[in-house]
Amino acid sequence: MGSYKLRVRLLLVPFILVAVVIVGKLYFLQVVHGSQYAANANKTALTPEAGIFNRGTIYFTESNGDEIAAATLKNGFILAVKPTELSDASTLYEQLSLIVSINRDEYLAKATKKGDPYEVIANHVTPEQAARIRAIKNKAVVIESQQWRYYPGMALASQVIGFVGFDGDSLNGRYGLERYYNDALYRDSRTPGINFFAEIFSSAKSLFAAPEDTAGDIITTIEPTVELTLERELKSVAELWRPKKVGGIVMDPNTGEIIAMASYPTFDLNAYGSADPEWYKNPMVENRYEMGSIVKPLTVAAGLDSEAVTAQTTYNDTGTIEVDGKKINNYDFKARGTIAMQEVLNQSLNLGVSFIVSKMGNDLFTKYMKNFGLGEETGIDLPGEIYGQITNLDAPRKLEHYNASFGQGIAITPIETIRALAALGNGGYLVTPHVVRAIKSNTGSVRVIAQPDPKRVLKAETSHEISRMLTNVVDKALANGSVKLEHTSVAAKTGTAQIAIPGGGGYYADRYLHSFFGYFPSYNPKFIIFLFALEPQNASFASQTLTDPFHRLTKFLVSYYNIPPDR
């Protein structure tokens, strides 16, 4: 019995050796020299290999948690011809032009090139068109499979999503999430199939290497219905008041999740080539503005938190004061006499917040403004973010600090602004705004993107008190209380800032930036909204241009998310 087993083993040895040699040969052919042989094969082919474009999907997240594609792939075909095999280019043109839209002169220039084995005539040919072209049965016609980037929402969240375009010789994300998360979304389209032996050896390698789980589909925090509603409101502002630009953000103030973000003008992502390239940029993170009076709640909160003032503190409002040789005025130049802090917000008084800075001192006021994140990037996951310009706060004079207290002389981005203002309502925390919630890897796992821990910048009682004061603004002062919601408390403030003349020549007398922010419910906010309009026409104050859009958005969100009444 023992000798039998020995003979069997001896007979198996040659087979095992042959198998090892074959596997080794295949390894060197397909893994070590695979790319070289593939390149040589392509050089001898009549038509280039149809490299199928591939890329991860970007998803919106609906309010019920369902995912809906914001950027995906569309399937179709390439139409090409072989000039070396084409006998009658004109007749073929007549046949093809009935099926696809092609330029005659361009077609003939390609189809009649002598000695040319392959010319692309049309991209994005539909399956129905491809079937009709095949029915022509011309050996000079080539139909090849094709995939391309497709945006089902067209212009929806265009500046957030961005688009894919050529970066040199390769297709990469150029703007928005397509650019920021390009490494995760990118797929190597040169290897659409699976190399069996490469898989074996790469799998063996993975046993000894740390797994890489960075590539996959992007799951955003953008809710498509909220995004669409925001964009419709921005368009209505644009049509009614004709600003140079209008924009808005809806954010969860407790987590920093961006529910909607948009600006107008906008563009169709599927036809970005026909849009003004200036529209590709996202002004919510790439532009800075002097925000005006929506900075006043930050100043009041800093005064309350530092105990420099209370809500009951009063001062003598003279309408105009002189500081460091310059005059500072209320917006209407009128004196109010003895005024309490609540009326500083209700009437939006420049002298009131200047008074708060005088009680705090320059250094402490500057410390609070910087703690609110002004003058730094927020860390949002979108490309091109800039930081606010607040160098005036480093000046030794009172003038620059008084001006900053009502939002002039410092320029900040909309995303900086909403992050700072969210701290007023969320208990006093500075959160990190973000647009992507998770990455769904190619292996099927979902990696939630961790955000930095929120930073406390105000006491909880300060957050409650400033929220109470801003609720009073809505209930009593904003549009004379006509936009107060019966069952939901809303904390809000408008802002109107003069536009600075370039080169330091003061301010235009007739150009303004209008802004508006608000959160609700006031003492446990689910959402914060920020809106702005750059140089609207025939309107001096933000209360004219942005109150109604904010009011409609608030009522929509309360209804859409079924927010229970708090009063």
Protein backbone atom coordinates (compact mmCIF):
# COMPACT_ATOMS: atom_id res chain seq x y z
CA MET A 1 0.00 0.00 0.00
CA GLY A 2 2.84 2.35 0.86
CA SER A 3 4.62 1.75 -2.45
CA TYR A 4 1.34 2.46 -4.32
CA LYS A 5 0.96 5.88 -2.70
CA LEU A 6 4.60 6.64 -3.49
CA ARG A 7 4.09 5.79 -7.18
CA VAL A 8 0.98 8.05 -7.35
CA ARG A 9 2.88 10.92 -5.79
CA LEU A 10 5.75 10.49 -8.22
CA LEU A 11 3.31 10.57 -11.15
CA LEU A 12 1.71 13.78 -9.82
CA VAL A 13 4.99 15.65 -9.58
CA PRO A 14 5.34 16.29 -13.37
CA PHE A 15 1.74 17.54 -13.56
CA ILE A 16 2.30 19.89 -10.65
CA LEU A 17 5.50 21.22 -12.20
CA VAL A 18 3.75 21.81 -15.54
CA ALA A 19 0.87 23.62 -13.80
CA VAL A 20 3.33 25.84 -11.93
CA VAL A 21 5.12 26.71 -15.18
CA ILE A 22 1.82 27.53 -16.94
CA VAL A 23 0.58 29.70 -14.09
CA GLY A 24 3.97 31.43 -13.95
CA LYS A 25 3.88 32.10 -17.70
CA LEU A 26 0.35 33.48 -17.46
CA TYR A 27 1.36 35.66 -14.54
CA PHE A 28 4.18 37.25 -16.53
CA LEU A 29 1.99 37.59 -19.64
CA GLN A 30 -1.06 39.11 -17.99
CA VAL A 31 0.27 40.82 -14.90
CA VAL A 32 3.91 41.77 -15.42
CA HIS A 33 3.84 42.49 -19.17
CA GLY A 34 0.08 42.80 -19.67
CA SER A 35 0.03 46.54 -20.33
CA GLN A 36 2.91 46.27 -22.81
CA TYR A 37 1.20 43.54 -24.86
CA ALA A 38 -2.11 45.44 -24.74
CA ALA A 39 -0.40 48.56 -26.08
CA ASN A 40 1.24 46.60 -28.91
CA ALA A 41 -2.09 45.03 -29.81
CA ASN A 42 -3.77 48.43 -29.96
CA LYS A 43 -1.12 49.72 -32.36
CA THR A 44 -2.00 47.06 -34.91
CA ALA A 45 -5.79 47.39 -34.59
CA LEU A 46 -7.80 49.13 -37.33
CA THR A 47 -9.91 50.95 -34.72
CA PRO A 48 -8.88 52.02 -31.23
CA GLU A 49 -10.17 50.02 -28.33
CA ALA A 50 -13.45 51.53 -27.14
CA GLY A 51 -12.35 52.57 -23.64
CA ILE A 52 -15.55 52.70 -21.64
CA PHE A 53 -15.60 55.80 -19.43
CA ASN A 54 -16.30 54.85 -15.84
CA ARG A 55 -16.82 56.91 -12.69
CA GLY A 56 -18.51 56.64 -9.32
CA THR A 57 -22.04 57.97 -8.76
CA ILE A 58 -22.93 61.06 -6.73
CA TYR A 59 -26.21 60.78 -4.83
CA PHE A 60 -28.63 63.27 -3.35
CA THR A 61 -30.32 62.09 -0.14
CA GLU A 62 -34.08 62.53 0.11
CA SER A 63 -35.74 63.43 3.39
CA ASN A 64 -36.84 59.80 3.88
CA GLY A 65 -33.25 58.57 3.46
CA ASP A 66 -33.60 57.33 -0.13
CA GLU A 67 -30.71 58.03 -2.48
CA ILE A 68 -31.27 59.57 -5.90
CA ALA A 69 -28.58 60.04 -8.53
CA ALA A 70 -27.17 63.52 -8.98
CA ALA A 71 -24.30 62.43 -11.24
CA THR A 72 -24.23 59.08 -12.97
CA LEU A 73 -23.32 57.39 -16.24
CA LYS A 74 -25.38 57.19 -19.38
CA ASN A 75 -24.98 54.40 -21.95
CA GLY A 76 -24.94 54.89 -25.68
CA PHE A 77 -22.70 54.55 -28.69
CA ILE A 78 -19.95 56.16 -30.75
CA LEU A 79 -20.53 56.49 -34.48
CA ALA A 80 -17.32 56.21 -36.48
CA VAL A 81 -16.34 55.52 -40.09
CA LYS A 82 -13.39 53.81 -41.80
CA PRO A 83 -12.37 56.15 -44.66
CA THR A 84 -10.14 53.42 -46.14
CA GLU A 85 -13.22 51.26 -46.71
CA LEU A 86 -15.67 54.01 -47.68
CA SER A 87 -16.46 54.30 -51.37
CA ASP A 88 -19.23 56.94 -51.37
CA ALA A 89 -18.99 59.40 -48.48
CA SER A 90 -21.77 61.68 -49.77
CA THR A 91 -24.36 58.93 -50.01
CA LEU A 92 -23.49 57.69 -46.53
CA TYR A 93 -23.88 61.24 -45.20
CA GLU A 94 -27.41 61.44 -46.61
CA GLN A 95 -28.27 58.18 -44.86
CA LEU A 96 -26.66 59.05 -41.53
CA SER A 97 -27.97 62.63 -41.35
CA LEU A 98 -31.52 61.27 -41.30
CA ILE A 99 -30.66 59.48 -38.04
CA VAL A 100 -28.16 61.68 -36.18
CA SER A 101 -27.34 65.37 -36.34
CA ILE A 102 -23.94 65.78 -38.03
CA ASN A 103 -22.28 68.69 -39.78
CA ARG A 104 -21.82 67.91 -43.47
CA ASP A 105 -18.51 69.72 -43.96
CA GLU A 106 -16.95 68.25 -40.83
CA TYR A 107 -18.20 64.79 -41.75
CA LEU A 108 -16.80 64.95 -45.28
CA ALA A 109 -13.45 66.26 -44.05
CA LYS A 110 -13.13 63.20 -41.82
CA ALA A 111 -14.73 60.59 -44.08
CA THR A 112 -12.54 61.39 -47.08
CA LYS A 113 -9.14 61.37 -45.37
CA LYS A 114 -6.90 59.19 -47.48
CA GLY A 115 -5.32 56.27 -45.69
CA ASP A 116 -7.17 57.01 -42.45
CA PRO A 117 -8.48 53.81 -40.83
CA TYR A 118 -10.84 55.40 -38.27
CA GLU A 119 -12.67 58.69 -37.64
CA VAL A 120 -15.26 59.46 -34.95
CA ILE A 121 -18.33 61.14 -36.45
CA ALA A 122 -20.72 61.41 -33.49
CA ASN A 123 -20.83 60.71 -29.75
CA HIS A 124 -23.75 59.95 -27.43
CA VAL A 125 -25.69 58.03 -30.06
CA THR A 126 -28.81 56.45 -28.56
CA PRO A 127 -29.55 52.70 -28.76
CA GLU A 128 -32.46 53.44 -31.12
CA GLN A 129 -30.23 55.49 -33.41
CA ALA A 130 -27.53 52.82 -33.28
CA ALA A 131 -30.03 50.17 -34.40
CA ARG A 132 -31.09 52.28 -37.39
CA ILE A 133 -27.45 52.93 -38.32
CA ARG A 134 -26.63 49.23 -38.20
CA ALA A 135 -29.56 48.60 -40.55
CA ILE A 136 -27.70 50.57 -43.26
CA LYS A 137 -25.27 47.62 -43.39
CA ASN A 138 -22.26 49.56 -44.58
CA LYS A 139 -18.92 47.91 -43.76
CA ALA A 140 -17.30 51.35 -43.38
CA VAL A 141 -19.58 52.24 -40.46
CA VAL A 142 -18.47 51.44 -36.90
CA ILE A 143 -20.76 51.45 -33.84
CA GLU A 144 -19.03 51.11 -30.47
CA SER A 145 -20.34 51.17 -26.92
CA GLN A 146 -19.86 54.39 -24.96
CA GLN A 147 -20.55 55.77 -21.49
CA TRP A 148 -20.50 59.41 -20.45
CA ARG A 149 -21.17 61.54 -17.39
CA TYR A 150 -24.82 62.47 -17.05
CA TYR A 151 -26.58 64.77 -14.58
CA PRO A 152 -30.28 63.85 -14.24
CA GLY A 153 -31.08 67.07 -12.37
CA MET A 154 -29.51 69.20 -15.13
CA ALA A 155 -28.95 72.55 -13.34
CA LEU A 156 -29.91 71.27 -9.88
CA ALA A 157 -27.12 72.08 -7.38
CA SER A 158 -24.80 72.71 -10.32
CA GLN A 159 -22.16 74.68 -8.40
CA VAL A 160 -22.14 72.07 -5.64
CA ILE A 161 -21.99 69.00 -7.90
CA GLY A 162 -19.57 70.40 -10.48
CA PHE A 163 -18.81 68.54 -13.68
CA VAL A 164 -16.30 66.27 -15.40
CA GLY A 165 -14.13 67.73 -18.14
CA PHE A 166 -10.78 67.24 -19.79
CA ASP A 167 -7.79 68.02 -17.64
CA GLY A 168 -5.03 67.68 -20.20
CA ASP A 169 -5.65 64.32 -21.86
CA SER A 170 -7.73 62.78 -19.08
CA LEU A 171 -11.28 63.28 -17.85
CA ASN A 172 -11.42 64.52 -14.27
CA GLY A 173 -13.67 66.49 -11.98
CA ARG A 174 -13.24 70.20 -12.65
CA TYR A 175 -15.56 71.90 -10.16
CA GLY A 176 -17.63 71.10 -7.07
CA LEU A 177 -17.79 67.63 -5.60
CA GLU A 178 -16.62 66.13 -8.88
CA ARG A 179 -13.30 67.87 -8.26
CA TYR A 180 -13.08 67.65 -4.46
CA TYR A 181 -13.79 63.91 -4.40
CA ASN A 182 -12.15 63.09 -7.73
CA ASP A 183 -9.88 60.46 -6.18
CA ALA A 184 -12.89 58.61 -4.75
CA LEU A 185 -14.98 58.89 -7.92
CA TYR A 186 -12.23 58.10 -10.43
CA ARG A 187 -12.23 54.71 -12.12
CA ASP A 188 -9.51 53.38 -14.41
CA SER A 189 -11.46 52.93 -17.65
CA ARG A 190 -8.52 51.23 -19.33
CA THR A 191 -9.38 47.96 -17.59
CA PRO A 192 -13.13 47.43 -17.93
CA GLY A 193 -12.84 43.64 -17.72
CA ILE A 194 -11.42 41.36 -15.03
CA ASN A 195 -8.01 39.81 -15.43
CA PHE A 196 -8.45 36.43 -13.76
CA PHE A 197 -4.83 35.80 -12.95
CA ALA A 198 -4.22 39.41 -11.98
CA GLU A 199 -7.13 39.04 -9.57
CA ILE A 200 -5.54 35.94 -8.06
CA PHE A 201 -2.22 37.60 -7.45
CA SER A 202 -3.64 40.95 -6.38
CA SER A 203 -5.91 39.13 -3.93
CA ALA A 204 -2.92 37.30 -2.55
CA LYS A 205 -1.15 40.62 -2.18
CA SER A 206 -4.12 42.06 -0.31
CA LEU A 207 -3.68 39.45 2.39
CA PHE A 208 -0.49 41.22 3.40
CA ALA A 209 -1.46 44.84 2.69
CA ALA A 210 -3.82 47.25 4.43
CA PRO A 211 -7.14 47.50 2.56
CA GLU A 212 -7.78 50.66 0.53
CA ASP A 213 -11.40 51.73 0.78
CA THR A 214 -11.22 55.25 -0.62
CA ALA A 215 -12.92 54.72 -4.00
CA GLY A 216 -16.68 54.57 -4.28
CA ASP A 217 -19.93 56.44 -4.71
CA ILE A 218 -20.54 59.75 -2.95
CA ILE A 219 -23.63 60.16 -0.75
CA THR A 220 -24.35 63.84 -0.21
CA THR A 221 -26.43 65.67 2.39
CA ILE A 222 -28.24 67.62 -0.35
CA GLU A 223 -32.01 67.03 -0.28
CA PRO A 224 -33.25 67.45 -3.89
CA THR A 225 -36.70 68.85 -3.14
CA VAL A 226 -35.28 71.42 -0.71
CA GLU A 227 -32.57 72.26 -3.25
CA LEU A 228 -35.17 72.77 -5.98
CA THR A 229 -37.30 74.94 -3.69
CA LEU A 230 -34.31 77.10 -2.73
CA GLU A 231 -33.31 77.53 -6.37
CA ARG A 232 -36.84 78.57 -7.34
CA GLU A 233 -36.83 81.22 -4.60
CA LEU A 234 -33.44 82.52 -5.74
CA LYS A 235 -34.68 82.73 -9.32
CA SER A 236 -37.72 84.70 -8.19
CA VAL A 237 -35.44 87.20 -6.40
CA ALA A 238 -33.28 87.45 -9.51
CA GLU A 239 -36.26 88.14 -11.76
CA LEU A 240 -37.90 90.63 -9.40
CA TRP A 241 -34.88 92.63 -8.19
CA ARG A 242 -32.24 91.92 -10.89
CA PRO A 243 -29.19 91.55 -8.62
CA LYS A 244 -25.79 90.68 -10.07
CA LYS A 245 -25.87 87.50 -8.03
CA VAL A 246 -28.16 85.86 -5.52
CA GLY A 247 -27.42 82.84 -3.34
CA GLY A 248 -28.60 80.78 -0.41
CA ILE A 249 -27.78 77.95 2.00
CA VAL A 250 -29.99 75.69 4.10
CA MET A 251 -28.03 73.92 6.84
CA ASP A 252 -28.60 71.79 9.90
CA PRO A 253 -27.08 74.08 12.57
CA ASN A 254 -26.38 71.19 14.92
CA THR A 255 -24.37 69.00 12.55
CA GLY A 256 -23.22 71.31 9.75
CA GLU A 257 -24.94 69.18 7.10
CA ILE A 258 -25.73 71.32 4.06
CA ILE A 259 -29.29 70.48 2.98
CA ALA A 260 -29.29 72.89 0.04
CA MET A 261 -26.83 75.35 -1.49
CA ALA A 262 -27.28 77.36 -4.65
CA SER A 263 -26.61 80.60 -6.46
CA TYR A 264 -28.12 82.26 -9.50
CA PRO A 265 -27.23 82.54 -12.39
CA THR A 266 -26.79 78.80 -12.74
CA PHE A 267 -26.25 76.36 -15.64
CA ASP A 268 -27.11 72.92 -16.99
CA LEU A 269 -24.34 70.50 -16.05
CA ASN A 270 -25.03 68.47 -19.20
CA ALA A 271 -24.34 71.54 -21.36
CA TYR A 272 -21.77 73.43 -19.31
CA GLY A 273 -19.88 74.40 -22.45
CA SER A 274 -22.62 76.84 -23.41
CA ALA A 275 -22.58 78.61 -19.99
CA ASP A 276 -20.51 81.56 -18.82
CA PRO A 277 -17.46 80.01 -17.08
CA GLU A 278 -17.94 82.54 -14.27
CA TRP A 279 -21.09 80.61 -13.31
CA TYR A 280 -19.08 77.45 -12.61
CA LYS A 281 -17.68 78.94 -9.40
CA ASN A 282 -19.50 78.59 -6.10
CA PRO A 283 -19.81 82.07 -4.54
CA MET A 284 -20.93 80.53 -1.25
CA VAL A 285 -17.35 79.39 -0.60
CA GLU A 286 -15.26 81.24 -3.20
CA ASN A 287 -16.40 84.86 -2.70
CA ARG A 288 -16.29 87.16 0.31
CA TYR A 289 -18.55 90.11 1.06
CA GLU A 290 -19.08 92.79 3.68
CA MET A 291 -22.23 91.31 5.20
CA GLY A 292 -23.65 94.27 7.08
CA SER A 293 -26.19 93.98 9.86
CA ILE A 294 -26.47 90.20 10.10
CA VAL A 295 -23.14 90.49 11.94
CA LYS A 296 -24.89 92.49 14.68
CA PRO A 297 -26.31 89.39 16.42
CA LEU A 298 -22.74 88.08 16.72
CA THR A 299 -21.69 91.34 18.37
CA VAL A 300 -24.67 91.29 20.74
CA ALA A 301 -24.00 87.63 21.61
CA ALA A 302 -20.34 88.44 22.32
CA GLY A 303 -21.44 91.30 24.59
CA LEU A 304 -23.87 89.05 26.46
CA ASP A 305 -21.41 86.17 26.74
CA SER A 306 -18.61 88.38 28.06
CA GLU A 307 -21.06 90.05 30.47
CA ALA A 308 -20.18 93.45 29.04
CA VAL A 309 -23.92 94.01 28.59
CA THR A 310 -27.23 92.30 29.32
CA ALA A 311 -30.44 92.38 27.33
CA GLN A 312 -31.63 95.15 29.68
CA THR A 313 -28.53 97.35 29.32
CA THR A 314 -29.29 100.79 27.87
CA TYR A 315 -27.24 103.52 26.20
CA ASN A 316 -27.91 107.02 24.90
CA ASP A 317 -28.37 106.86 21.13
CA THR A 318 -27.43 110.21 19.53
CA GLY A 319 -27.75 109.05 15.90
CA THR A 320 -24.14 109.99 15.10
CA ILE A 321 -20.82 109.67 16.92
CA GLU A 322 -17.28 110.62 15.99
CA VAL A 323 -14.59 107.97 16.37
CA ASP A 324 -10.92 108.49 15.46
CA GLY A 325 -11.86 111.52 13.40
CA LYS A 326 -14.60 109.69 11.42
CA LYS A 327 -18.36 109.73 11.82
CA ILE A 328 -20.42 106.61 12.49
CA ASN A 329 -24.16 106.89 11.95
CA ASN A 330 -27.31 104.86 12.30
CA TYR A 331 -28.68 103.88 8.87
CA ASP A 332 -31.18 106.80 9.01
CA PHE A 333 -28.93 109.22 10.98
CA LYS A 334 -31.70 109.54 13.62
CA ALA A 335 -31.16 109.62 17.36
CA ARG A 336 -33.25 107.28 19.58
CA GLY A 337 -32.37 108.53 23.04
CA THR A 338 -32.24 105.89 25.77
CA ILE A 339 -32.30 102.48 24.05
CA ALA A 340 -32.09 98.90 25.39
CA MET A 341 -30.17 96.11 23.69
CA GLN A 342 -33.34 94.48 22.34
CA GLU A 343 -34.06 97.60 20.28
CA VAL A 344 -30.51 97.55 18.94
CA LEU A 345 -31.52 94.38 17.10
CA ASN A 346 -35.13 95.35 16.40
CA GLN A 347 -34.14 98.67 14.85
CA SER A 348 -30.71 97.51 13.60
CA LEU A 349 -28.76 100.34 15.21
CA ASN A 350 -25.10 100.80 14.32
CA LEU A 351 -24.48 102.93 17.39
CA GLY A 352 -25.88 100.20 19.64
CA VAL A 353 -23.38 97.55 18.59
CA SER A 354 -20.59 100.16 18.61
CA PHE A 355 -21.54 100.80 22.24
CA ILE A 356 -21.17 97.06 22.98
CA VAL A 357 -17.62 97.08 21.56
CA SER A 358 -16.78 100.12 23.66
CA LYS A 359 -17.83 98.15 26.76
CA MET A 360 -15.95 94.99 25.70
CA GLY A 361 -12.76 96.60 24.43
CA ASN A 362 -11.10 95.95 21.09
CA ASP A 363 -9.12 92.87 22.08
CA LEU A 364 -11.99 90.95 23.64
CA PHE A 365 -14.32 91.80 20.75
CA THR A 366 -11.68 90.61 18.26
CA LYS A 367 -11.21 87.40 20.23
CA TYR A 368 -14.92 86.59 19.99
CA MET A 369 -15.09 87.36 16.26
CA LYS A 370 -12.16 85.04 15.60
CA ASN A 371 -13.65 82.37 17.85
CA PHE A 372 -16.75 82.52 15.63
CA GLY A 373 -14.47 81.35 12.81
CA LEU A 374 -14.35 84.64 10.94
CA GLY A 375 -11.15 85.01 8.95
CA GLU A 376 -10.56 81.27 8.54
CA GLU A 377 -11.68 78.50 6.22
CA THR A 378 -14.57 76.43 7.53
CA GLY A 379 -13.16 73.15 6.17
CA ILE A 380 -16.20 72.49 3.99
CA ASP A 381 -15.65 69.68 1.48
CA LEU A 382 -15.86 71.87 -1.63
CA PRO A 383 -12.94 73.14 -3.70
CA GLY A 384 -11.73 76.70 -3.86
CA GLU A 385 -12.77 77.80 -0.38
CA ILE A 386 -11.25 81.12 0.67
CA TYR A 387 -11.12 82.68 4.11
CA GLY A 388 -12.59 85.96 5.25
CA GLN A 389 -10.62 89.19 5.26
CA ILE A 390 -10.74 90.57 8.81
CA THR A 391 -7.37 92.29 9.13
CA ASN A 392 -9.15 95.46 10.25
CA LEU A 393 -9.67 93.71 13.58
CA ASP A 394 -5.91 93.79 14.08
CA ALA A 395 -5.87 97.61 13.86
CA PRO A 396 -5.27 99.51 17.11
CA ARG A 397 -8.00 102.10 16.55
CA LYS A 398 -11.59 101.90 17.76
CA LEU A 399 -12.97 102.88 14.33
CA GLU A 400 -12.23 99.57 12.61
CA HIS A 401 -13.75 97.57 15.47
CA TYR A 402 -16.87 99.70 15.65
CA ASN A 403 -17.36 99.30 11.88
CA ALA A 404 -16.83 95.54 12.14
CA SER A 405 -19.50 95.34 14.86
CA PHE A 406 -22.13 96.08 12.22
CA GLY A 407 -20.52 94.12 9.40
CA GLN A 408 -18.56 96.79 7.53
CA GLY A 409 -14.81 96.81 6.93
CA ILE A 410 -14.57 93.01 7.21
CA ALA A 411 -15.42 90.68 4.34
CA ILE A 412 -16.45 87.08 4.96
CA THR A 413 -17.75 84.20 2.87
CA PRO A 414 -21.37 83.06 3.03
CA ILE A 415 -20.29 79.67 4.41
CA GLU A 416 -18.24 81.38 7.16
CA THR A 417 -21.25 83.53 7.91
CA ILE A 418 -23.80 80.74 8.29
CA ARG A 419 -21.41 78.67 10.42
CA ALA A 420 -20.87 81.58 12.82
CA LEU A 421 -24.59 82.40 13.00
CA ALA A 422 -25.50 78.74 13.60
CA ALA A 423 -23.63 78.95 16.91
CA LEU A 424 -26.21 81.46 18.13
CA GLY A 425 -28.97 78.87 17.97
CA ASN A 426 -27.33 75.47 18.50
CA GLY A 427 -26.26 76.02 22.09
CA GLY A 428 -23.05 77.91 21.30
CA TYR A 429 -21.07 75.47 19.13
CA LEU A 430 -19.03 76.07 15.99
CA VAL A 431 -19.70 73.15 13.63
CA THR A 432 -18.02 72.07 10.39
CA PRO A 433 -20.20 72.57 7.31
CA HIS A 434 -20.12 69.61 4.91
CA VAL A 435 -21.87 68.35 1.80
CA VAL A 436 -20.93 64.65 1.81
CA ARG A 437 -22.19 62.26 4.45
CA ALA A 438 -20.57 59.00 3.37
CA ILE A 439 -18.69 57.10 0.68
CA LYS A 440 -20.17 53.82 -0.49
CA SER A 441 -17.15 51.74 -1.52
CA ASN A 442 -16.86 49.41 -4.46
CA THR A 443 -16.93 46.50 -2.04
CA GLY A 444 -20.36 47.54 -0.76
CA SER A 445 -19.30 48.97 2.59
CA VAL A 446 -20.40 52.46 3.59
CA ARG A 447 -17.86 54.71 5.27
CA VAL A 448 -19.44 57.63 7.12
CA ILE A 449 -17.17 60.66 6.97
CA ALA A 450 -16.34 61.76 10.49
CA GLN A 451 -16.47 65.47 11.23
CA PRO A 452 -14.37 67.36 13.80
CA ASP A 453 -15.95 67.78 17.22
CA PRO A 454 -17.89 71.06 17.50
CA LYS A 455 -16.06 73.84 19.33
CA ARG A 456 -17.88 75.74 22.08
CA VAL A 457 -17.76 79.49 21.44
CA LEU A 458 -20.70 80.70 23.56
CA LYS A 459 -22.27 79.65 26.83
CA ALA A 460 -25.54 77.72 26.50
CA GLU A 461 -27.41 80.49 28.33
CA THR A 462 -26.03 83.07 25.87
CA SER A 463 -27.33 80.99 22.96
CA HIS A 464 -30.76 80.88 24.60
CA GLU A 465 -30.80 84.62 25.32
CA ILE A 466 -29.71 85.77 21.85
CA SER A 467 -32.26 83.34 20.35
CA ARG A 468 -34.96 84.94 22.48
CA MET A 469 -33.91 88.39 21.32
CA LEU A 470 -33.85 87.38 17.63
CA THR A 471 -37.27 85.78 18.02
CA ASN A 472 -38.52 89.12 19.28
CA VAL A 473 -37.13 90.69 16.10
CA VAL A 474 -39.35 88.43 13.99
CA ASP A 475 -42.41 88.63 16.24
CA LYS A 476 -42.36 92.40 16.69
CA ALA A 477 -40.09 94.23 14.23
CA LEU A 478 -39.61 92.33 10.95
CA ALA A 479 -42.32 93.53 8.57
CA ASN A 480 -44.10 94.80 11.69
CA GLY A 481 -44.60 91.23 12.88
CA SER A 482 -46.55 90.16 9.79
CA VAL A 483 -44.23 87.20 9.07
CA LYS A 484 -44.47 85.73 12.56
CA LEU A 485 -45.47 82.04 12.45
CA GLU A 486 -48.30 81.19 14.80
CA HIS A 487 -47.04 77.75 15.84
CA THR A 488 -43.28 77.91 15.20
CA SER A 489 -40.81 80.33 16.75
CA VAL A 490 -38.31 81.85 14.31
CA ALA A 491 -35.12 83.78 15.15
CA ALA A 492 -33.91 86.01 12.31
CA LYS A 493 -32.16 89.21 11.24
CA THR A 494 -31.71 91.14 8.00
CA GLY A 495 -28.52 92.79 6.79
CA THR A 496 -27.85 95.67 4.40
CA ALA A 497 -24.24 96.61 3.62
CA GLN A 498 -22.86 99.30 1.38
CA ILE A 499 -20.58 98.05 -1.41
CA ALA A 500 -16.98 99.20 -1.05
CA ILE A 501 -15.42 101.17 -3.91
CA PRO A 502 -12.37 99.23 -5.20
CA GLY A 503 -9.06 100.73 -4.19
CA GLY A 504 -10.17 102.00 -0.81
CA GLY A 505 -12.26 104.94 -1.97
CA GLY A 506 -15.05 104.54 0.54
CA TYR A 507 -18.49 103.14 -0.33
CA TYR A 508 -20.95 103.55 -3.16
CA ALA A 509 -24.01 105.50 -2.11
CA ASP A 510 -26.42 103.41 -4.19
CA ARG A 511 -25.01 99.86 -4.23
CA TYR A 512 -25.77 97.32 -1.51
CA LEU A 513 -25.38 93.73 -0.49
CA HIS A 514 -28.61 92.41 1.03
CA SER A 515 -28.47 89.44 3.40
CA PHE A 516 -30.87 87.53 5.62
CA PHE A 517 -30.48 84.69 8.10
CA GLY A 518 -32.82 82.86 10.41
CA TYR A 519 -33.19 79.57 12.29
CA PHE A 520 -36.16 77.66 13.64
CA PRO A 521 -37.60 76.54 15.95
CA SER A 522 -35.77 79.24 17.86
CA TYR A 523 -34.70 77.18 20.90
CA ASN A 524 -34.12 73.83 19.22
CA PRO A 525 -33.38 74.71 15.60
CA LYS A 526 -33.64 72.10 12.88
CA PHE A 527 -32.56 74.44 10.09
CA ILE A 528 -30.75 77.69 9.54
CA ILE A 529 -31.22 79.63 6.28
CA PHE A 530 -28.87 82.22 4.81
CA LEU A 531 -29.73 84.33 1.75
CA PHE A 532 -27.92 87.14 -0.04
CA ALA A 533 -28.43 89.37 -3.08
CA LEU A 534 -25.59 91.39 -4.59
CA GLU A 535 -26.59 94.85 -5.82
CA PRO A 536 -30.36 94.38 -6.24
CA GLN A 537 -32.08 97.13 -8.18
CA ASN A 538 -34.67 99.59 -6.83
CA ALA A 539 -34.47 98.34 -3.24
CA SER A 540 -32.39 99.85 -0.44
CA PHE A 541 -32.98 97.30 2.32
CA ALA A 542 -32.82 93.52 2.63
CA SER A 543 -36.19 93.51 4.38
CA GLN A 544 -37.67 94.47 0.99
CA THR A 545 -35.94 91.84 -1.13
CA LEU A 546 -35.36 88.79 1.09
CA THR A 547 -38.05 88.69 3.78
CA ASP A 548 -40.68 87.01 1.59
CA PRO A 549 -38.32 84.34 0.15
CA PHE A 550 -37.10 83.52 3.67
CA HIS A 551 -40.68 83.36 4.96
CA ARG A 552 -41.77 81.00 2.17
CA LEU A 553 -38.73 78.75 2.64
CA THR A 554 -39.35 78.57 6.38
CA LYS A 555 -43.00 77.59 5.97
CA PHE A 556 -42.03 75.01 3.33
CA LEU A 557 -39.40 73.37 5.56
CA VAL A 558 -41.72 73.28 8.58
CA SER A 559 -44.33 71.51 6.46
CA TYR A 560 -42.00 69.26 4.44
CA TYR A 561 -40.19 67.94 7.51
CA ASN A 562 -43.28 67.88 9.72
CA ILE A 563 -41.59 69.97 12.40
CA PRO A 564 -43.86 69.91 15.45
CA PRO A 565 -45.11 73.25 16.81
CA ASP A 566 -43.21 74.75 19.71
CA ARG A 567 -45.75 77.42 20.64
